[in-house]
Amino acid sequence: MSRHKQKHGLKLRSLFLWHRYFGLSAALFVLVLACTGLLLNHTATLGLNNRYISSEAIHDWYGIKPPSDTVSFQAGTHWVSQLGDILYFDNRQLTESSNGLLGFVLLRDFMVVAVEQELLLLSTAGKVIEHLKGMHGVPAGMQAIGIDREGNFVVQGNHGNYVVDENFIEWASSGADEISWSRLGKLPRSLYDQLVRLYRSSDLTVERVVLDLHSGRIVGNWGVFLMDGAALLMFALAITGVWHWARRKR
């Protein structure tokens, strides 16, 4: 074998080794990009934007923590609580509200939740029936809600106490001197833990985690550069593959 052929063979072998190293290095990244890309192409079908992460380890990784303060009121066997801007009825989300929770009472046919400047009427199953605000006659400067001795619903406002009829239409001043006001309560530990898990998962969708995996951002800003490096590896893999094929054709 001539020296030229030996030299050519060594170059091909060296090129092949580099090509193999590039391939092995890029394999993991190719798998991640391929799997996450397929998932993202079918986000709507798989409902990834409507499915939430419940893993506490992933919540910790993203730095998602529950608010330090929890406001809760109990009426009968039910609880209404506020964590951040989210209201919960027992162990499920009720609605989002930027206003502070003021109270919760049970009436004969439904329940009432008070937040600043608004009353929420709930069915006996805990579903929101109606939102009532100042335009519906709700007294200004609402501070507390309760029930008087006759079972009437009472609101404490800026200018005194007000009572409303059973249809929540007509409001009038209340002269009742015995009113059972809704007062803050302390959630049972098991229920509090459930609400914390719900709260932490309320903003983190599966779609976001898959996107962060795809871009590398799941491991921080430097993860983007890592994925950039993977792209360059795949580019080198393509170039060395074509070059190796071209050299062997000679």
C-alpha atoms as a PDB file:
ATOM      1  CA  MET A   1       0.000   0.000   0.000  1.00  0.00           C
ATOM      2  CA  SER A   2       1.406   3.405  -0.998  1.00  0.00           C
ATOM      3  CA  ARG A   3       2.153   6.109   1.558  1.00  0.00           C
ATOM      4  CA  HIS A   4      -0.518   8.296  -0.018  1.00  0.00           C
ATOM      5  CA  LYS A   5      -3.177   5.632   0.479  1.00  0.00           C
ATOM      6  CA  GLN A   6      -2.061   5.045   4.062  1.00  0.00           C
ATOM      7  CA  LYS A   7      -2.300   8.759   4.733  1.00  0.00           C
ATOM      8  CA  HIS A   8      -5.740   8.908   3.129  1.00  0.00           C
ATOM      9  CA  GLY A   9      -6.887   5.941   5.230  1.00  0.00           C
ATOM     10  CA  LEU A  10      -5.665   7.554   8.449  1.00  0.00           C
ATOM     11  CA  LYS A  11      -7.504  10.777   7.617  1.00  0.00           C
ATOM     12  CA  LEU A  12     -10.705   8.856   6.936  1.00  0.00           C
ATOM     13  CA  ARG A  13     -10.339   6.948  10.191  1.00  0.00           C
ATOM     14  CA  SER A  14      -9.695  10.160  12.128  1.00  0.00           C
ATOM     15  CA  LEU A  15     -12.689  11.812  10.468  1.00  0.00           C
ATOM     16  CA  PHE A  16     -14.839   8.798  11.239  1.00  0.00           C
ATOM     17  CA  LEU A  17     -13.789   8.905  14.914  1.00  0.00           C
ATOM     18  CA  TRP A  18     -14.646  12.593  15.175  1.00  0.00           C
ATOM     19  CA  HIS A  19     -17.974  11.957  13.485  1.00  0.00           C
ATOM     20  CA  ARG A  20     -18.714   9.187  16.002  1.00  0.00           C
ATOM     21  CA  TYR A  21     -17.763  11.394  18.952  1.00  0.00           C
ATOM     22  CA  PHE A  22     -20.011  14.193  17.657  1.00  0.00           C
ATOM     23  CA  GLY A  23     -22.837  11.691  17.230  1.00  0.00           C
ATOM     24  CA  LEU A  24     -22.516  10.267  20.727  1.00  0.00           C
ATOM     25  CA  SER A  25     -22.307  13.756  22.270  1.00  0.00           C
ATOM     26  CA  ALA A  26     -25.357  14.998  20.379  1.00  0.00           C
ATOM     27  CA  ALA A  27     -27.524  11.882  20.889  1.00  0.00           C
ATOM     28  CA  LEU A  28     -29.033  12.937  24.222  1.00  0.00           C
ATOM     29  CA  PHE A  29     -29.814  16.427  22.968  1.00  0.00           C
ATOM     30  CA  VAL A  30     -31.375  15.033  19.793  1.00  0.00           C
ATOM     31  CA  LEU A  31     -33.657  12.816  21.893  1.00  0.00           C
ATOM     32  CA  VAL A  32     -34.700  15.735  24.133  1.00  0.00           C
ATOM     33  CA  LEU A  33     -35.344  18.048  21.185  1.00  0.00           C
ATOM     34  CA  ALA A  34     -37.214  15.371  19.231  1.00  0.00           C
ATOM     35  CA  CYS A  35     -39.455  14.320  22.144  1.00  0.00           C
ATOM     36  CA  THR A  36     -40.235  17.849  23.316  1.00  0.00           C
ATOM     37  CA  GLY A  37     -40.738  19.031  19.730  1.00  0.00           C
ATOM     38  CA  LEU A  38     -43.301  16.289  19.113  1.00  0.00           C
ATOM     39  CA  LEU A  39     -45.145  17.191  22.319  1.00  0.00           C
ATOM     40  CA  LEU A  40     -45.190  20.905  21.474  1.00  0.00           C
ATOM     41  CA  ASN A  41     -46.559  20.183  18.004  1.00  0.00           C
ATOM     42  CA  HIS A  42     -49.589  18.582  19.670  1.00  0.00           C
ATOM     43  CA  THR A  43     -50.053  20.932  22.643  1.00  0.00           C
ATOM     44  CA  ALA A  44     -53.747  21.558  21.951  1.00  0.00           C
ATOM     45  CA  THR A  45     -54.561  17.890  21.317  1.00  0.00           C
ATOM     46  CA  LEU A  46     -52.762  16.736  24.474  1.00  0.00           C
ATOM     47  CA  GLY A  47     -54.057  19.685  26.506  1.00  0.00           C
ATOM     48  CA  LEU A  48     -50.568  20.561  27.744  1.00  0.00           C
ATOM     49  CA  ASN A  49     -51.570  24.193  28.299  1.00  0.00           C
ATOM     50  CA  ASN A  50     -54.428  23.097  30.578  1.00  0.00           C
ATOM     51  CA  ARG A  51     -52.571  20.465  32.587  1.00  0.00           C
ATOM     52  CA  TYR A  52     -50.650  21.513  35.655  1.00  0.00           C
ATOM     53  CA  ILE A  53     -47.549  20.160  37.348  1.00  0.00           C
ATOM     54  CA  SER A  54     -48.184  18.765  40.835  1.00  0.00           C
ATOM     55  CA  SER A  55     -44.625  17.667  41.651  1.00  0.00           C
ATOM     56  CA  GLU A  56     -43.282  19.533  44.677  1.00  0.00           C
ATOM     57  CA  ALA A  57     -39.716  18.896  43.513  1.00  0.00           C
ATOM     58  CA  ILE A  58     -40.393  20.718  40.222  1.00  0.00           C
ATOM     59  CA  HIS A  59     -42.150  23.549  42.110  1.00  0.00           C
ATOM     60  CA  ASP A  60     -39.043  23.890  44.288  1.00  0.00           C
ATOM     61  CA  TRP A  61     -36.831  23.884  41.172  1.00  0.00           C
ATOM     62  CA  TYR A  62     -38.854  26.779  39.710  1.00  0.00           C
ATOM     63  CA  GLY A  63     -38.867  28.581  43.065  1.00  0.00           C
ATOM     64  CA  ILE A  64     -42.679  28.585  43.308  1.00  0.00           C
ATOM     65  CA  LYS A  65     -43.662  29.101  46.928  1.00  0.00           C
ATOM     66  CA  PRO A  66     -47.020  29.672  48.626  1.00  0.00           C
ATOM     67  CA  PRO A  67     -47.746  33.131  50.047  1.00  0.00           C
ATOM     68  CA  SER A  68     -46.782  33.571  53.676  1.00  0.00           C
ATOM     69  CA  ASP A  69     -50.291  34.650  54.724  1.00  0.00           C
ATOM     70  CA  THR A  70     -53.487  32.623  54.370  1.00  0.00           C
ATOM     71  CA  VAL A  71     -56.931  34.061  55.145  1.00  0.00           C
ATOM     72  CA  SER A  72     -59.675  31.564  55.998  1.00  0.00           C
ATOM     73  CA  PHE A  73     -63.268  31.613  57.225  1.00  0.00           C
ATOM     74  CA  GLN A  74     -65.377  28.634  58.297  1.00  0.00           C
ATOM     75  CA  ALA A  75     -69.152  28.294  58.075  1.00  0.00           C
ATOM     76  CA  GLY A  76     -70.698  24.992  59.083  1.00  0.00           C
ATOM     77  CA  THR A  77     -68.426  22.249  57.771  1.00  0.00           C
ATOM     78  CA  HIS A  78     -67.103  24.351  54.877  1.00  0.00           C
ATOM     79  CA  TRP A  79     -64.086  26.599  54.512  1.00  0.00           C
ATOM     80  CA  VAL A  80     -63.376  29.507  52.183  1.00  0.00           C
ATOM     81  CA  SER A  81     -59.723  30.525  51.990  1.00  0.00           C
ATOM     82  CA  GLN A  82     -57.544  32.959  50.092  1.00  0.00           C
ATOM     83  CA  LEU A  83     -53.957  32.245  49.080  1.00  0.00           C
ATOM     84  CA  GLY A  84     -52.464  35.055  47.048  1.00  0.00           C
ATOM     85  CA  ASP A  85     -55.120  36.147  44.557  1.00  0.00           C
ATOM     86  CA  ILE A  86     -56.925  32.797  44.513  1.00  0.00           C
ATOM     87  CA  LEU A  87     -60.052  31.917  46.495  1.00  0.00           C
ATOM     88  CA  TYR A  88     -60.717  28.305  47.449  1.00  0.00           C
ATOM     89  CA  PHE A  89     -63.898  26.575  48.570  1.00  0.00           C
ATOM     90  CA  ASP A  90     -62.813  23.676  50.777  1.00  0.00           C
ATOM     91  CA  ASN A  91     -60.134  21.913  48.682  1.00  0.00           C
ATOM     92  CA  ARG A  92     -60.848  23.326  45.217  1.00  0.00           C
ATOM     93  CA  GLN A  93     -60.341  26.634  43.484  1.00  0.00           C
ATOM     94  CA  LEU A  94     -63.360  28.909  43.586  1.00  0.00           C
ATOM     95  CA  THR A  95     -62.216  31.961  41.637  1.00  0.00           C
ATOM     96  CA  GLU A  96     -59.424  34.494  41.333  1.00  0.00           C
ATOM     97  CA  SER A  97     -59.775  37.796  43.161  1.00  0.00           C
ATOM     98  CA  SER A  98     -57.324  40.627  43.757  1.00  0.00           C
ATOM     99  CA  ASN A  99     -59.557  41.826  46.611  1.00  0.00           C
ATOM    100  CA  GLY A 100     -59.138  40.686  50.199  1.00  0.00           C
ATOM    101  CA  LEU A 101     -61.401  38.013  51.666  1.00  0.00           C
ATOM    102  CA  LEU A 102     -63.703  39.465  54.358  1.00  0.00           C
ATOM    103  CA  GLY A 103     -66.048  36.671  55.407  1.00  0.00           C
ATOM    104  CA  PHE A 104     -68.141  33.605  54.658  1.00  0.00           C
ATOM    105  CA  VAL A 105     -71.637  32.692  55.928  1.00  0.00           C
ATOM    106  CA  LEU A 106     -74.252  29.993  55.337  1.00  0.00           C
ATOM    107  CA  LEU A 107     -77.849  30.955  54.608  1.00  0.00           C
ATOM    108  CA  ARG A 108     -80.826  28.697  54.162  1.00  0.00           C
ATOM    109  CA  ASP A 109     -80.608  28.131  50.396  1.00  0.00           C
ATOM    110  CA  PHE A 110     -77.119  29.293  49.521  1.00  0.00           C
ATOM    111  CA  MET A 111     -73.830  30.644  50.876  1.00  0.00           C
ATOM    112  CA  VAL A 112     -72.247  34.094  50.712  1.00  0.00           C
ATOM    113  CA  VAL A 113     -68.562  34.986  50.405  1.00  0.00           C
ATOM    114  CA  ALA A 114     -67.480  38.587  50.891  1.00  0.00           C
ATOM    115  CA  VAL A 115     -64.387  40.119  49.344  1.00  0.00           C
ATOM    116  CA  GLU A 116     -63.639  43.829  49.296  1.00  0.00           C
ATOM    117  CA  GLN A 117     -66.345  45.612  47.239  1.00  0.00           C
ATOM    118  CA  GLU A 118     -68.042  42.373  46.169  1.00  0.00           C
ATOM    119  CA  LEU A 119     -70.309  39.564  47.348  1.00  0.00           C
ATOM    120  CA  LEU A 120     -70.219  36.087  45.810  1.00  0.00           C
ATOM    121  CA  LEU A 121     -73.389  34.019  46.076  1.00  0.00           C
ATOM    122  CA  LEU A 122     -72.656  30.285  46.103  1.00  0.00           C
ATOM    123  CA  SER A 123     -74.912  27.289  45.638  1.00  0.00           C
ATOM    124  CA  THR A 124     -75.042  24.647  48.350  1.00  0.00           C
ATOM    125  CA  ALA A 125     -72.507  22.719  46.218  1.00  0.00           C
ATOM    126  CA  GLY A 126     -70.070  25.642  46.351  1.00  0.00           C
ATOM    127  CA  LYS A 127     -70.544  26.926  42.793  1.00  0.00           C
ATOM    128  CA  VAL A 128     -70.599  30.677  42.111  1.00  0.00           C
ATOM    129  CA  ILE A 129     -74.161  31.729  41.246  1.00  0.00           C
ATOM    130  CA  GLU A 130     -73.762  35.496  41.088  1.00  0.00           C
ATOM    131  CA  HIS A 131     -71.377  38.385  41.684  1.00  0.00           C
ATOM    132  CA  LEU A 132     -72.876  41.423  43.444  1.00  0.00           C
ATOM    133  CA  LYS A 133     -71.147  44.810  43.579  1.00  0.00           C
ATOM    134  CA  GLY A 134     -71.956  48.431  44.385  1.00  0.00           C
ATOM    135  CA  MET A 135     -74.162  48.747  41.288  1.00  0.00           C
ATOM    136  CA  HIS A 136     -76.351  46.017  42.816  1.00  0.00           C
ATOM    137  CA  GLY A 137     -76.730  47.922  46.079  1.00  0.00           C
ATOM    138  CA  VAL A 138     -73.898  46.339  48.079  1.00  0.00           C
ATOM    139  CA  PRO A 139     -72.973  48.883  50.807  1.00  0.00           C
ATOM    140  CA  ALA A 140     -69.807  50.887  50.291  1.00  0.00           C
ATOM    141  CA  GLY A 141     -66.782  50.194  52.450  1.00  0.00           C
ATOM    142  CA  MET A 142     -67.800  46.648  53.339  1.00  0.00           C
ATOM    143  CA  GLN A 143     -65.814  45.465  56.350  1.00  0.00           C
ATOM    144  CA  ALA A 144     -67.582  42.324  57.588  1.00  0.00           C
ATOM    145  CA  ILE A 145     -70.617  40.097  57.009  1.00  0.00           C
ATOM    146  CA  GLY A 146     -72.810  38.174  59.419  1.00  0.00           C
ATOM    147  CA  ILE A 147     -76.270  36.915  60.316  1.00  0.00           C
ATOM    148  CA  ASP A 148     -78.653  38.543  62.809  1.00  0.00           C
ATOM    149  CA  ARG A 149     -80.867  36.741  65.307  1.00  0.00           C
ATOM    150  CA  GLU A 150     -83.713  36.448  62.745  1.00  0.00           C
ATOM    151  CA  GLY A 151     -81.402  34.806  60.190  1.00  0.00           C
ATOM    152  CA  ASN A 152     -81.047  37.889  57.980  1.00  0.00           C
ATOM    153  CA  PHE A 153     -77.835  38.561  56.105  1.00  0.00           C
ATOM    154  CA  VAL A 154     -76.053  41.684  57.388  1.00  0.00           C
ATOM    155  CA  VAL A 155     -73.186  43.748  56.001  1.00  0.00           C
ATOM    156  CA  GLN A 156     -71.075  46.119  58.062  1.00  0.00           C
ATOM    157  CA  GLY A 157     -70.251  49.130  55.870  1.00  0.00           C
ATOM    158  CA  ASN A 158     -68.706  52.566  56.260  1.00  0.00           C
ATOM    159  CA  HIS A 159     -71.934  54.101  57.558  1.00  0.00           C
ATOM    160  CA  GLY A 160     -73.309  51.286  59.699  1.00  0.00           C
ATOM    161  CA  ASN A 161     -74.932  47.886  59.321  1.00  0.00           C
ATOM    162  CA  TYR A 162     -77.226  46.955  56.448  1.00  0.00           C
ATOM    163  CA  VAL A 163     -79.678  44.122  55.937  1.00  0.00           C
ATOM    164  CA  VAL A 164     -80.922  42.746  52.619  1.00  0.00           C
ATOM    165  CA  ASP A 165     -84.053  40.857  51.616  1.00  0.00           C
ATOM    166  CA  GLU A 166     -83.965  37.152  50.757  1.00  0.00           C
ATOM    167  CA  ASN A 167     -83.560  37.927  47.042  1.00  0.00           C
ATOM    168  CA  PHE A 168     -80.569  40.212  47.645  1.00  0.00           C
ATOM    169  CA  ILE A 169     -82.281  43.144  45.941  1.00  0.00           C
ATOM    170  CA  GLU A 170     -83.480  45.592  48.606  1.00  0.00           C
ATOM    171  CA  TRP A 171     -81.000  46.913  51.153  1.00  0.00           C
ATOM    172  CA  ALA A 172     -81.895  48.824  54.341  1.00  0.00           C
ATOM    173  CA  SER A 173     -80.255  49.941  57.571  1.00  0.00           C
ATOM    174  CA  SER A 174     -80.146  47.280  60.252  1.00  0.00           C
ATOM    175  CA  GLY A 175     -80.980  47.988  63.870  1.00  0.00           C
ATOM    176  CA  ALA A 176     -80.156  44.478  65.069  1.00  0.00           C
ATOM    177  CA  ASP A 177     -78.036  44.403  68.188  1.00  0.00           C
ATOM    178  CA  GLU A 178     -77.233  40.683  68.067  1.00  0.00           C
ATOM    179  CA  ILE A 179     -75.244  39.811  64.984  1.00  0.00           C
ATOM    180  CA  SER A 180     -73.078  36.731  64.528  1.00  0.00           C
ATOM    181  CA  TRP A 181     -70.169  38.070  62.491  1.00  0.00           C
ATOM    182  CA  SER A 182     -68.028  35.848  60.299  1.00  0.00           C
ATOM    183  CA  ARG A 183     -64.611  35.570  61.926  1.00  0.00           C
ATOM    184  CA  LEU A 184     -61.180  34.373  60.835  1.00  0.00           C
ATOM    185  CA  GLY A 185     -60.432  30.703  61.422  1.00  0.00           C
ATOM    186  CA  LYS A 186     -57.386  28.461  61.288  1.00  0.00           C
ATOM    187  CA  LEU A 187     -57.404  25.860  58.550  1.00  0.00           C
ATOM    188  CA  PRO A 188     -56.908  22.197  59.493  1.00  0.00           C
ATOM    189  CA  ARG A 189     -53.343  21.211  58.599  1.00  0.00           C
ATOM    190  CA  SER A 190     -54.401  18.580  56.052  1.00  0.00           C
ATOM    191  CA  LEU A 191     -56.595  21.083  54.174  1.00  0.00           C
ATOM    192  CA  TYR A 192     -53.886  23.744  54.299  1.00  0.00           C
ATOM    193  CA  ASP A 193     -51.386  21.308  52.738  1.00  0.00           C
ATOM    194  CA  GLN A 194     -53.840  20.510  49.939  1.00  0.00           C
ATOM    195  CA  LEU A 195     -54.372  24.201  49.190  1.00  0.00           C
ATOM    196  CA  VAL A 196     -50.634  24.864  49.140  1.00  0.00           C
ATOM    197  CA  ARG A 197     -50.181  22.123  46.533  1.00  0.00           C
ATOM    198  CA  LEU A 198     -53.060  23.531  44.472  1.00  0.00           C
ATOM    199  CA  TYR A 199     -51.683  27.058  44.693  1.00  0.00           C
ATOM    200  CA  ARG A 200     -48.167  26.057  43.706  1.00  0.00           C
ATOM    201  CA  SER A 201     -49.438  24.157  40.662  1.00  0.00           C
ATOM    202  CA  SER A 202     -51.830  26.874  39.507  1.00  0.00           C
ATOM    203  CA  ASP A 203     -49.233  28.698  37.331  1.00  0.00           C
ATOM    204  CA  LEU A 204     -46.975  25.880  36.168  1.00  0.00           C
ATOM    205  CA  THR A 205     -48.377  24.083  33.141  1.00  0.00           C
ATOM    206  CA  VAL A 206     -46.941  21.000  31.457  1.00  0.00           C
ATOM    207  CA  GLU A 207     -46.540  23.095  28.310  1.00  0.00           C
ATOM    208  CA  ARG A 208     -44.226  25.545  30.100  1.00  0.00           C
ATOM    209  CA  VAL A 209     -42.008  22.757  31.435  1.00  0.00           C
ATOM    210  CA  VAL A 210     -41.791  21.108  27.989  1.00  0.00           C
ATOM    211  CA  LEU A 211     -40.928  24.492  26.414  1.00  0.00           C
ATOM    212  CA  ASP A 212     -38.210  25.045  29.006  1.00  0.00           C
ATOM    213  CA  LEU A 213     -36.822  21.562  28.330  1.00  0.00           C
ATOM    214  CA  HIS A 214     -36.851  22.225  24.603  1.00  0.00           C
ATOM    215  CA  SER A 215     -34.996  25.544  24.946  1.00  0.00           C
ATOM    216  CA  GLY A 216     -32.730  24.495  27.821  1.00  0.00           C
ATOM    217  CA  ARG A 217     -34.105  27.222  30.098  1.00  0.00           C
ATOM    218  CA  ILE A 218     -35.168  24.622  32.651  1.00  0.00           C
ATOM    219  CA  VAL A 219     -31.583  24.706  33.969  1.00  0.00           C
ATOM    220  CA  GLY A 220     -31.280  28.489  33.862  1.00  0.00           C
ATOM    221  CA  ASN A 221     -29.867  30.977  31.388  1.00  0.00           C
ATOM    222  CA  TRP A 222     -26.761  28.917  30.742  1.00  0.00           C
ATOM    223  CA  GLY A 223     -29.010  26.075  29.605  1.00  0.00           C
ATOM    224  CA  VAL A 224     -29.784  28.105  26.474  1.00  0.00           C
ATOM    225  CA  PHE A 225     -26.063  28.167  25.643  1.00  0.00           C
ATOM    226  CA  LEU A 226     -25.948  24.421  26.298  1.00  0.00           C
ATOM    227  CA  MET A 227     -28.657  23.879  23.692  1.00  0.00           C
ATOM    228  CA  ASP A 228     -26.814  26.247  21.347  1.00  0.00           C
ATOM    229  CA  GLY A 229     -23.767  24.027  21.787  1.00  0.00           C
ATOM    230  CA  ALA A 230     -25.915  20.992  20.996  1.00  0.00           C
ATOM    231  CA  ALA A 231     -27.072  22.677  17.790  1.00  0.00           C
ATOM    232  CA  LEU A 232     -23.450  23.297  16.798  1.00  0.00           C
ATOM    233  CA  LEU A 233     -22.649  19.650  17.552  1.00  0.00           C
ATOM    234  CA  MET A 234     -25.433  18.522  15.228  1.00  0.00           C
ATOM    235  CA  PHE A 235     -24.167  20.939  12.591  1.00  0.00           C
ATOM    236  CA  ALA A 236     -20.667  19.440  12.943  1.00  0.00           C
ATOM    237  CA  LEU A 237     -22.176  15.955  12.784  1.00  0.00           C
ATOM    238  CA  ALA A 238     -23.857  16.756   9.480  1.00  0.00           C
ATOM    239  CA  ILE A 239     -20.695  18.317   8.011  1.00  0.00           C
ATOM    240  CA  THR A 240     -18.389  15.455   9.068  1.00  0.00           C
ATOM    241  CA  GLY A 241     -20.921  12.916   7.820  1.00  0.00           C
ATOM    242  CA  VAL A 242     -21.101  14.490   4.359  1.00  0.00           C
ATOM    243  CA  TRP A 243     -17.325  14.937   4.263  1.00  0.00           C
ATOM    244  CA  HIS A 244     -16.731  11.330   5.283  1.00  0.00           C
ATOM    245  CA  TRP A 245     -19.126  10.124   2.584  1.00  0.00           C
ATOM    246  CA  ALA A 246     -17.475  12.360  -0.043  1.00  0.00           C
ATOM    247  CA  ARG A 247     -13.982  11.188   0.868  1.00  0.00           C
ATOM    248  CA  ARG A 248     -14.973   7.543   0.633  1.00  0.00           C
ATOM    249  CA  LYS A 249     -16.485   8.081  -2.814  1.00  0.00           C
ATOM    250  CA  ARG A 250     -13.108   9.140  -4.179  1.00  0.00           C
END
